[in-house]
Amino acid sequence: MIALTYKGILHNRCKSRAEPEYILIEQIGPDHSPTFLYEVQINGTMFGRGSGSSKAAAMEEAARNAVAFGDQTGKFQQL
């Protein structure tokens, strides 16, 4: 069984025309319980942000928001 992730969906939406870039914006909180804020950019344009208690969770949330933004605005067709 293949588990789909929003990072994978985002990569497929880009169809090799562009590569999503995940940028760590901020890490807040104590070392034992940090919160990470990531932004995903495509061709230098911010598509989504996400936060989470792990880097992976924050990037997945950013990808989810980027997919929603790209689908709602039609930005994937402009890549």
PDB file of N, CA and C in Angstrom:
ATOM      1  N   MET A   1       0.843  -1.174   0.000  1.00  0.00           N
ATOM      2  CA  MET A   1       0.000   0.000   0.000  1.00  0.00           C
ATOM      3  C   MET A   1       0.893   1.244   0.000  1.00  0.00           C
ATOM      4  N   ILE A   2       0.622   2.176  -0.891  1.00  0.00           N
ATOM      5  CA  ILE A   2       1.412   3.393  -0.996  1.00  0.00           C
ATOM      6  C   ILE A   2       0.733   4.502  -0.201  1.00  0.00           C
ATOM      7  N   ALA A   3       1.500   5.126   0.678  1.00  0.00           N
ATOM      8  CA  ALA A   3       0.980   6.235   1.469  1.00  0.00           C
ATOM      9  C   ALA A   3       1.235   7.529   0.713  1.00  0.00           C
ATOM     10  N   LEU A   4       0.184   8.255   0.411  1.00  0.00           N
ATOM     11  CA  LEU A   4       0.328   9.540  -0.259  1.00  0.00           C
ATOM     12  C   LEU A   4       0.579  10.622   0.780  1.00  0.00           C
ATOM     13  N   THR A   5       1.498  11.499   0.445  1.00  0.00           N
ATOM     14  CA  THR A   5       1.771  12.644   1.299  1.00  0.00           C
ATOM     15  C   THR A   5       1.531  13.909   0.487  1.00  0.00           C
ATOM     16  N   TYR A   6       1.289  15.002   1.167  1.00  0.00           N
ATOM     17  CA  TYR A   6       1.117  16.265   0.463  1.00  0.00           C
ATOM     18  C   TYR A   6       2.416  16.697  -0.215  1.00  0.00           C
ATOM     19  N   LYS A   7       3.552  16.324   0.358  1.00  0.00           N
ATOM     20  CA  LYS A   7       4.823  16.624  -0.315  1.00  0.00           C
ATOM     21  C   LYS A   7       4.891  15.903  -1.655  1.00  0.00           C
ATOM     22  N   GLY A   8       4.444  14.664  -1.704  1.00  0.00           N
ATOM     23  CA  GLY A   8       4.413  13.908  -2.946  1.00  0.00           C
ATOM     24  C   GLY A   8       3.404  14.483  -3.934  1.00  0.00           C
ATOM     25  N   ILE A   9       2.235  14.866  -3.434  1.00  0.00           N
ATOM     26  CA  ILE A   9       1.210  15.472  -4.291  1.00  0.00           C
ATOM     27  C   ILE A   9       1.729  16.776  -4.878  1.00  0.00           C
ATOM     28  N   LEU A  10       2.388  17.588  -4.050  1.00  0.00           N
ATOM     29  CA  LEU A  10       2.943  18.863  -4.523  1.00  0.00           C
ATOM     30  C   LEU A  10       3.988  18.627  -5.604  1.00  0.00           C
ATOM     31  N   HIS A  11       4.845  17.657  -5.377  1.00  0.00           N
ATOM     32  CA  HIS A  11       5.873  17.334  -6.372  1.00  0.00           C
ATOM     33  C   HIS A  11       5.218  16.925  -7.702  1.00  0.00           C
ATOM     34  N   ASN A  12       4.154  16.130  -7.633  1.00  0.00           N
ATOM     35  CA  ASN A  12       3.435  15.723  -8.847  1.00  0.00           C
ATOM     36  C   ASN A  12       2.756  16.898  -9.535  1.00  0.00           C
ATOM     37  N   ARG A  13       2.212  17.836  -8.748  1.00  0.00           N
ATOM     38  CA  ARG A  13       1.564  19.015  -9.339  1.00  0.00           C
ATOM     39  C   ARG A  13       2.574  19.868 -10.113  1.00  0.00           C
ATOM     40  N   CYS A  14       3.817  19.863  -9.660  1.00  0.00           N
ATOM     41  CA  CYS A  14       4.857  20.655 -10.334  1.00  0.00           C
ATOM     42  C   CYS A  14       5.305  20.009 -11.642  1.00  0.00           C
ATOM     43  N   LYS A  15       5.092  18.719 -11.795  1.00  0.00           N
ATOM     44  CA  LYS A  15       5.367  17.980 -13.034  1.00  0.00           C
ATOM     45  C   LYS A  15       6.748  18.268 -13.617  1.00  0.00           C
ATOM     46  N   SER A  16       7.741  18.257 -12.786  1.00  0.00           N
ATOM     47  CA  SER A  16       9.137  18.435 -13.197  1.00  0.00           C
ATOM     48  C   SER A  16       9.426  19.791 -13.836  1.00  0.00           C
ATOM     49  N   ARG A  17       8.460  20.692 -13.845  1.00  0.00           N
ATOM     50  CA  ARG A  17       8.697  22.029 -14.390  1.00  0.00           C
ATOM     51  C   ARG A  17       9.347  22.933 -13.351  1.00  0.00           C
ATOM     52  N   ALA A  18       9.179  22.583 -12.105  1.00  0.00           N
ATOM     53  CA  ALA A  18       9.732  23.367 -11.001  1.00  0.00           C
ATOM     54  C   ALA A  18       9.940  22.442  -9.815  1.00  0.00           C
ATOM     55  N   GLU A  19      10.826  22.830  -8.929  1.00  0.00           N
ATOM     56  CA  GLU A  19      11.123  22.035  -7.739  1.00  0.00           C
ATOM     57  C   GLU A  19      10.702  22.820  -6.503  1.00  0.00           C
ATOM     58  N   PRO A  20       9.806  22.270  -5.685  1.00  0.00           N
ATOM     59  CA  PRO A  20       9.441  22.951  -4.447  1.00  0.00           C
ATOM     60  C   PRO A  20      10.663  23.081  -3.531  1.00  0.00           C
ATOM     61  N   GLU A  21      10.799  24.230  -2.913  1.00  0.00           N
ATOM     62  CA  GLU A  21      11.903  24.485  -1.982  1.00  0.00           C
ATOM     63  C   GLU A  21      11.315  24.753  -0.600  1.00  0.00           C
ATOM     64  N   TYR A  22      11.767  23.990   0.386  1.00  0.00           N
ATOM     65  CA  TYR A  22      11.286  24.132   1.760  1.00  0.00           C
ATOM     66  C   TYR A  22      12.301  24.951   2.542  1.00  0.00           C
ATOM     67  N   ILE A  23      11.829  26.037   3.137  1.00  0.00           N
ATOM     68  CA  ILE A  23      12.706  26.965   3.839  1.00  0.00           C
ATOM     69  C   ILE A  23      12.266  27.054   5.297  1.00  0.00           C
ATOM     70  N   LEU A  24      13.210  26.803   6.212  1.00  0.00           N
ATOM     71  CA  LEU A  24      12.920  26.954   7.634  1.00  0.00           C
ATOM     72  C   LEU A  24      12.851  28.441   7.951  1.00  0.00           C
ATOM     73  N   ILE A  25      11.700  28.907   8.369  1.00  0.00           N
ATOM     74  CA  ILE A  25      11.485  30.316   8.687  1.00  0.00           C
ATOM     75  C   ILE A  25      11.820  30.600  10.147  1.00  0.00           C
ATOM     76  N   GLU A  26      11.401  29.679  11.015  1.00  0.00           N
ATOM     77  CA  GLU A  26      11.569  29.941  12.447  1.00  0.00           C
ATOM     78  C   GLU A  26      11.492  28.643  13.239  1.00  0.00           C
ATOM     79  N   GLN A  27      12.266  28.595  14.301  1.00  0.00           N
ATOM     80  CA  GLN A  27      12.162  27.524  15.282  1.00  0.00           C
ATOM     81  C   GLN A  27      11.987  28.205  16.629  1.00  0.00           C
ATOM     82  N   ILE A  28      10.869  27.932  17.278  1.00  0.00           N
ATOM     83  CA  ILE A  28      10.599  28.572  18.562  1.00  0.00           C
ATOM     84  C   ILE A  28      10.361  27.502  19.615  1.00  0.00           C
ATOM     85  N   GLY A  29      10.473  27.933  20.853  1.00  0.00           N
ATOM     86  CA  GLY A  29      10.243  27.034  21.967  1.00  0.00           C
ATOM     87  C   GLY A  29      11.529  26.409  22.465  1.00  0.00           C
ATOM     88  N   PRO A  30      11.434  25.684  23.562  1.00  0.00           N
ATOM     89  CA  PRO A  30      12.614  25.044  24.140  1.00  0.00           C
ATOM     90  C   PRO A  30      13.115  23.895  23.267  1.00  0.00           C
ATOM     91  N   ASP A  31      14.371  23.540  23.444  1.00  0.00           N
ATOM     92  CA  ASP A  31      14.983  22.471  22.647  1.00  0.00           C
ATOM     93  C   ASP A  31      14.250  21.141  22.781  1.00  0.00           C
ATOM     94  N   HIS A  32      13.681  20.881  23.936  1.00  0.00           N
ATOM     95  CA  HIS A  32      13.001  19.597  24.144  1.00  0.00           C
ATOM     96  C   HIS A  32      11.577  19.585  23.579  1.00  0.00           C
ATOM     97  N   SER A  33      11.061  20.761  23.165  1.00  0.00           N
ATOM     98  CA  SER A  33       9.703  20.836  22.618  1.00  0.00           C
ATOM     99  C   SER A  33       9.591  21.998  21.620  1.00  0.00           C
ATOM    100  N   PRO A  34      10.339  21.918  20.515  1.00  0.00           N
ATOM    101  CA  PRO A  34      10.342  23.034  19.568  1.00  0.00           C
ATOM    102  C   PRO A  34       9.107  23.027  18.651  1.00  0.00           C
ATOM    103  N   THR A  35       8.837  24.171  18.083  1.00  0.00           N
ATOM    104  CA  THR A  35       7.856  24.309  17.014  1.00  0.00           C
ATOM    105  C   THR A  35       8.588  24.880  15.813  1.00  0.00           C
ATOM    106  N   PHE A  36       8.409  24.242  14.671  1.00  0.00           N
ATOM    107  CA  PHE A  36       9.087  24.653  13.445  1.00  0.00           C
ATOM    108  C   PHE A  36       8.079  25.314  12.510  1.00  0.00           C
ATOM    109  N   LEU A  37       8.509  26.370  11.840  1.00  0.00           N
ATOM    110  CA  LEU A  37       7.708  27.035  10.828  1.00  0.00           C
ATOM    111  C   LEU A  37       8.457  26.964   9.510  1.00  0.00           C
ATOM    112  N   TYR A  38       7.832  26.316   8.530  1.00  0.00           N
ATOM    113  CA  TYR A  38       8.426  26.161   7.202  1.00  0.00           C
ATOM    114  C   TYR A  38       7.572  26.866   6.160  1.00  0.00           C
ATOM    115  N   GLU A  39       8.251  27.318   5.119  1.00  0.00           N
ATOM    116  CA  GLU A  39       7.592  27.911   3.957  1.00  0.00           C
ATOM    117  C   GLU A  39       8.014  27.109   2.738  1.00  0.00           C
ATOM    118  N   VAL A  40       7.080  26.869   1.830  1.00  0.00           N
ATOM    119  CA  VAL A  40       7.426  26.203   0.579  1.00  0.00           C
ATOM    120  C   VAL A  40       7.298  27.226  -0.546  1.00  0.00           C
ATOM    121  N   GLN A  41       8.372  27.323  -1.325  1.00  0.00           N
ATOM    122  CA  GLN A  41       8.409  28.226  -2.462  1.00  0.00           C
ATOM    123  C   GLN A  41       8.572  27.418  -3.742  1.00  0.00           C
ATOM    124  N   ILE A  42       7.952  27.920  -4.793  1.00  0.00           N
ATOM    125  CA  ILE A  42       8.111  27.332  -6.121  1.00  0.00           C
ATOM    126  C   ILE A  42       8.492  28.472  -7.057  1.00  0.00           C
ATOM    127  N   ASN A  43       9.637  28.347  -7.677  1.00  0.00           N
ATOM    128  CA  ASN A  43      10.169  29.399  -8.545  1.00  0.00           C
ATOM    129  C   ASN A  43      10.225  30.750  -7.832  1.00  0.00           C
ATOM    130  N   GLY A  44      10.575  30.720  -6.541  1.00  0.00           N
ATOM    131  CA  GLY A  44      10.723  31.948  -5.769  1.00  0.00           C
ATOM    132  C   GLY A  44       9.439  32.541  -5.237  1.00  0.00           C
ATOM    133  N   THR A  45       8.296  31.899  -5.503  1.00  0.00           N
ATOM    134  CA  THR A  45       7.007  32.387  -5.026  1.00  0.00           C
ATOM    135  C   THR A  45       6.537  31.523  -3.866  1.00  0.00           C
ATOM    136  N   MET A  46       6.120  32.167  -2.772  1.00  0.00           N
ATOM    137  CA  MET A  46       5.627  31.443  -1.612  1.00  0.00           C
ATOM    138  C   MET A  46       4.256  30.856  -1.937  1.00  0.00           C
ATOM    139  N   PHE A  47       4.126  29.545  -1.777  1.00  0.00           N
ATOM    140  CA  PHE A  47       2.866  28.848  -2.022  1.00  0.00           C
ATOM    141  C   PHE A  47       2.177  28.455  -0.724  1.00  0.00           C
ATOM    142  N   GLY A  48       2.928  28.246   0.356  1.00  0.00           N
ATOM    143  CA  GLY A  48       2.300  27.836   1.601  1.00  0.00           C
ATOM    144  C   GLY A  48       3.267  27.836   2.759  1.00  0.00           C
ATOM    145  N   ARG A  49       2.703  27.903   3.954  1.00  0.00           N
ATOM    146  CA  ARG A  49       3.462  27.814   5.200  1.00  0.00           C
ATOM    147  C   ARG A  49       2.818  26.767   6.084  1.00  0.00           C
ATOM    148  N   GLY A  50       3.635  26.208   6.956  1.00  0.00           N
ATOM    149  CA  GLY A  50       3.114  25.231   7.898  1.00  0.00           C
ATOM    150  C   GLY A  50       3.981  25.156   9.131  1.00  0.00           C
ATOM    151  N   SER A  51       3.367  24.780  10.228  1.00  0.00           N
ATOM    152  CA  SER A  51       4.117  24.632  11.478  1.00  0.00           C
ATOM    153  C   SER A  51       3.826  23.259  12.062  1.00  0.00           C
ATOM    154  N   GLY A  52       4.762  22.809  12.896  1.00  0.00           N
ATOM    155  CA  GLY A  52       4.593  21.516  13.532  1.00  0.00           C
ATOM    156  C   GLY A  52       5.660  21.272  14.575  1.00  0.00           C
ATOM    157  N   SER A  53       5.477  20.217  15.334  1.00  0.00           N
ATOM    158  CA  SER A  53       6.417  19.895  16.414  1.00  0.00           C
ATOM    159  C   SER A  53       7.654  19.168  15.902  1.00  0.00           C
ATOM    160  N   SER A  54       7.655  18.831  14.607  1.00  0.00           N
ATOM    161  CA  SER A  54       8.844  18.261  13.971  1.00  0.00           C
ATOM    162  C   SER A  54       9.021  18.951  12.617  1.00  0.00           C
ATOM    163  N   LYS A  55      10.237  18.874  12.092  1.00  0.00           N
ATOM    164  CA  LYS A  55      10.483  19.463  10.776  1.00  0.00           C
ATOM    165  C   LYS A  55       9.611  18.802   9.725  1.00  0.00           C
ATOM    166  N   ALA A  56       9.506  17.482   9.790  1.00  0.00           N
ATOM    167  CA  ALA A  56       8.715  16.737   8.808  1.00  0.00           C
ATOM    168  C   ALA A  56       7.243  17.152   8.858  1.00  0.00           C
ATOM    169  N   ALA A  57       6.706  17.300  10.052  1.00  0.00           N
ATOM    170  CA  ALA A  57       5.300  17.694  10.197  1.00  0.00           C
ATOM    171  C   ALA A  57       5.073  19.110   9.669  1.00  0.00           C
ATOM    172  N   ALA A  58       6.000  20.007   9.939  1.00  0.00           N
ATOM    173  CA  ALA A  58       5.875  21.383   9.467  1.00  0.00           C
ATOM    174  C   ALA A  58       5.968  21.448   7.939  1.00  0.00           C
ATOM    175  N   MET A  59       6.873  20.679   7.342  1.00  0.00           N
ATOM    176  CA  MET A  59       6.993  20.665   5.879  1.00  0.00           C
ATOM    177  C   MET A  59       5.759  20.047   5.235  1.00  0.00           C
ATOM    178  N   GLU A  60       5.204  19.019   5.833  1.00  0.00           N
ATOM    179  CA  GLU A  60       3.994  18.385   5.305  1.00  0.00           C
ATOM    180  C   GLU A  60       2.819  19.360   5.357  1.00  0.00           C
ATOM    181  N   GLU A  61       2.701  20.115   6.440  1.00  0.00           N
ATOM    182  CA  GLU A  61       1.641  21.121   6.574  1.00  0.00           C
ATOM    183  C   GLU A  61       1.834  22.233   5.540  1.00  0.00           C
ATOM    184  N   ALA A  62       3.075  22.655   5.324  1.00  0.00           N
ATOM    185  CA  ALA A  62       3.363  23.669   4.306  1.00  0.00           C
ATOM    186  C   ALA A  62       2.994  23.146   2.918  1.00  0.00           C
ATOM    187  N   ALA A  63       3.295  21.887   2.644  1.00  0.00           N
ATOM    188  CA  ALA A  63       2.955  21.287   1.355  1.00  0.00           C
ATOM    189  C   ALA A  63       1.438  21.208   1.182  1.00  0.00           C
ATOM    190  N   ARG A  64       0.722  20.855   2.235  1.00  0.00           N
ATOM    191  CA  ARG A  64      -0.747  20.783   2.176  1.00  0.00           C
ATOM    192  C   ARG A  64      -1.318  22.152   1.814  1.00  0.00           C
ATOM    193  N   ASN A  65      -0.811  23.185   2.461  1.00  0.00           N
ATOM    194  CA  ASN A  65      -1.283  24.539   2.179  1.00  0.00           C
ATOM    195  C   ASN A  65      -0.886  24.990   0.776  1.00  0.00           C
ATOM    196  N   ALA A  66       0.279  24.567   0.313  1.00  0.00           N
ATOM    197  CA  ALA A  66       0.731  24.918  -1.036  1.00  0.00           C
ATOM    198  C   ALA A  66      -0.141  24.250  -2.095  1.00  0.00           C
ATOM    199  N   VAL A  67      -0.506  22.994  -1.874  1.00  0.00           N
ATOM    200  CA  VAL A  67      -1.387  22.290  -2.809  1.00  0.00           C
ATOM    201  C   VAL A  67      -2.738  23.001  -2.878  1.00  0.00           C
ATOM    202  N   ALA A  68      -3.282  23.360  -1.727  1.00  0.00           N
ATOM    203  CA  ALA A  68      -4.576  24.059  -1.696  1.00  0.00           C
ATOM    204  C   ALA A  68      -4.478  25.396  -2.426  1.00  0.00           C
ATOM    205  N   PHE A  69      -3.424  26.149  -2.158  1.00  0.00           N
ATOM    206  CA  PHE A  69      -3.230  27.450  -2.809  1.00  0.00           C
ATOM    207  C   PHE A  69      -3.094  27.288  -4.324  1.00  0.00           C
ATOM    208  N   GLY A  70      -2.257  26.366  -4.748  1.00  0.00           N
ATOM    209  CA  GLY A  70      -2.039  26.155  -6.177  1.00  0.00           C
ATOM    210  C   GLY A  70      -3.284  25.694  -6.897  1.00  0.00           C
ATOM    211  N   ASP A  71      -4.070  24.823  -6.259  1.00  0.00           N
ATOM    212  CA  ASP A  71      -5.307  24.334  -6.865  1.00  0.00           C
ATOM    213  C   ASP A  71      -6.360  25.441  -6.943  1.00  0.00           C
ATOM    214  N   GLN A  72      -6.469  26.234  -5.891  1.00  0.00           N
ATOM    215  CA  GLN A  72      -7.488  27.289  -5.851  1.00  0.00           C
ATOM    216  C   GLN A  72      -7.182  28.433  -6.808  1.00  0.00           C
ATOM    217  N   THR A  73      -5.918  28.730  -7.000  1.00  0.00           N
ATOM    218  CA  THR A  73      -5.530  29.889  -7.815  1.00  0.00           C
ATOM    219  C   THR A  73      -5.154  29.526  -9.238  1.00  0.00           C
ATOM    220  N   GLY A  74      -4.977  28.241  -9.531  1.00  0.00           N
ATOM    221  CA  GLY A  74      -4.547  27.828 -10.859  1.00  0.00           C
ATOM    222  C   GLY A  74      -3.059  28.067 -11.116  1.00  0.00           C
ATOM    223  N   LYS A  75      -2.288  28.306 -10.061  1.00  0.00           N
ATOM    224  CA  LYS A  75      -0.858  28.619 -10.202  1.00  0.00           C
ATOM    225  C   LYS A  75      -0.057  27.452 -10.774  1.00  0.00           C
ATOM    226  N   PHE A  76      -0.518  26.219 -10.592  1.00  0.00           N
ATOM    227  CA  PHE A  76       0.227  25.077 -11.124  1.00  0.00           C
ATOM    228  C   PHE A  76       0.242  25.084 -12.653  1.00  0.00           C
ATOM    229  N   GLN A  77      -0.798  25.599 -13.281  1.00  0.00           N
ATOM    230  CA  GLN A  77      -0.836  25.680 -14.738  1.00  0.00           C
ATOM    231  C   GLN A  77       0.129  26.732 -15.266  1.00  0.00           C
ATOM    232  N   GLN A  78       0.548  27.660 -14.411  1.00  0.00           N
ATOM    233  CA  GLN A  78       1.443  28.736 -14.824  1.00  0.00           C
ATOM    234  C   GLN A  78       2.910  28.375 -14.669  1.00  0.00           C
ATOM    235  N   LEU A  79       3.202  27.197 -14.156  1.00  0.00           N
ATOM    236  CA  LEU A  79       4.606  26.808 -13.975  1.00  0.00           C
ATOM    237  C   LEU A  79       5.245  26.449 -15.299  1.00  0.00           C
TER     238      LEU A  79
END
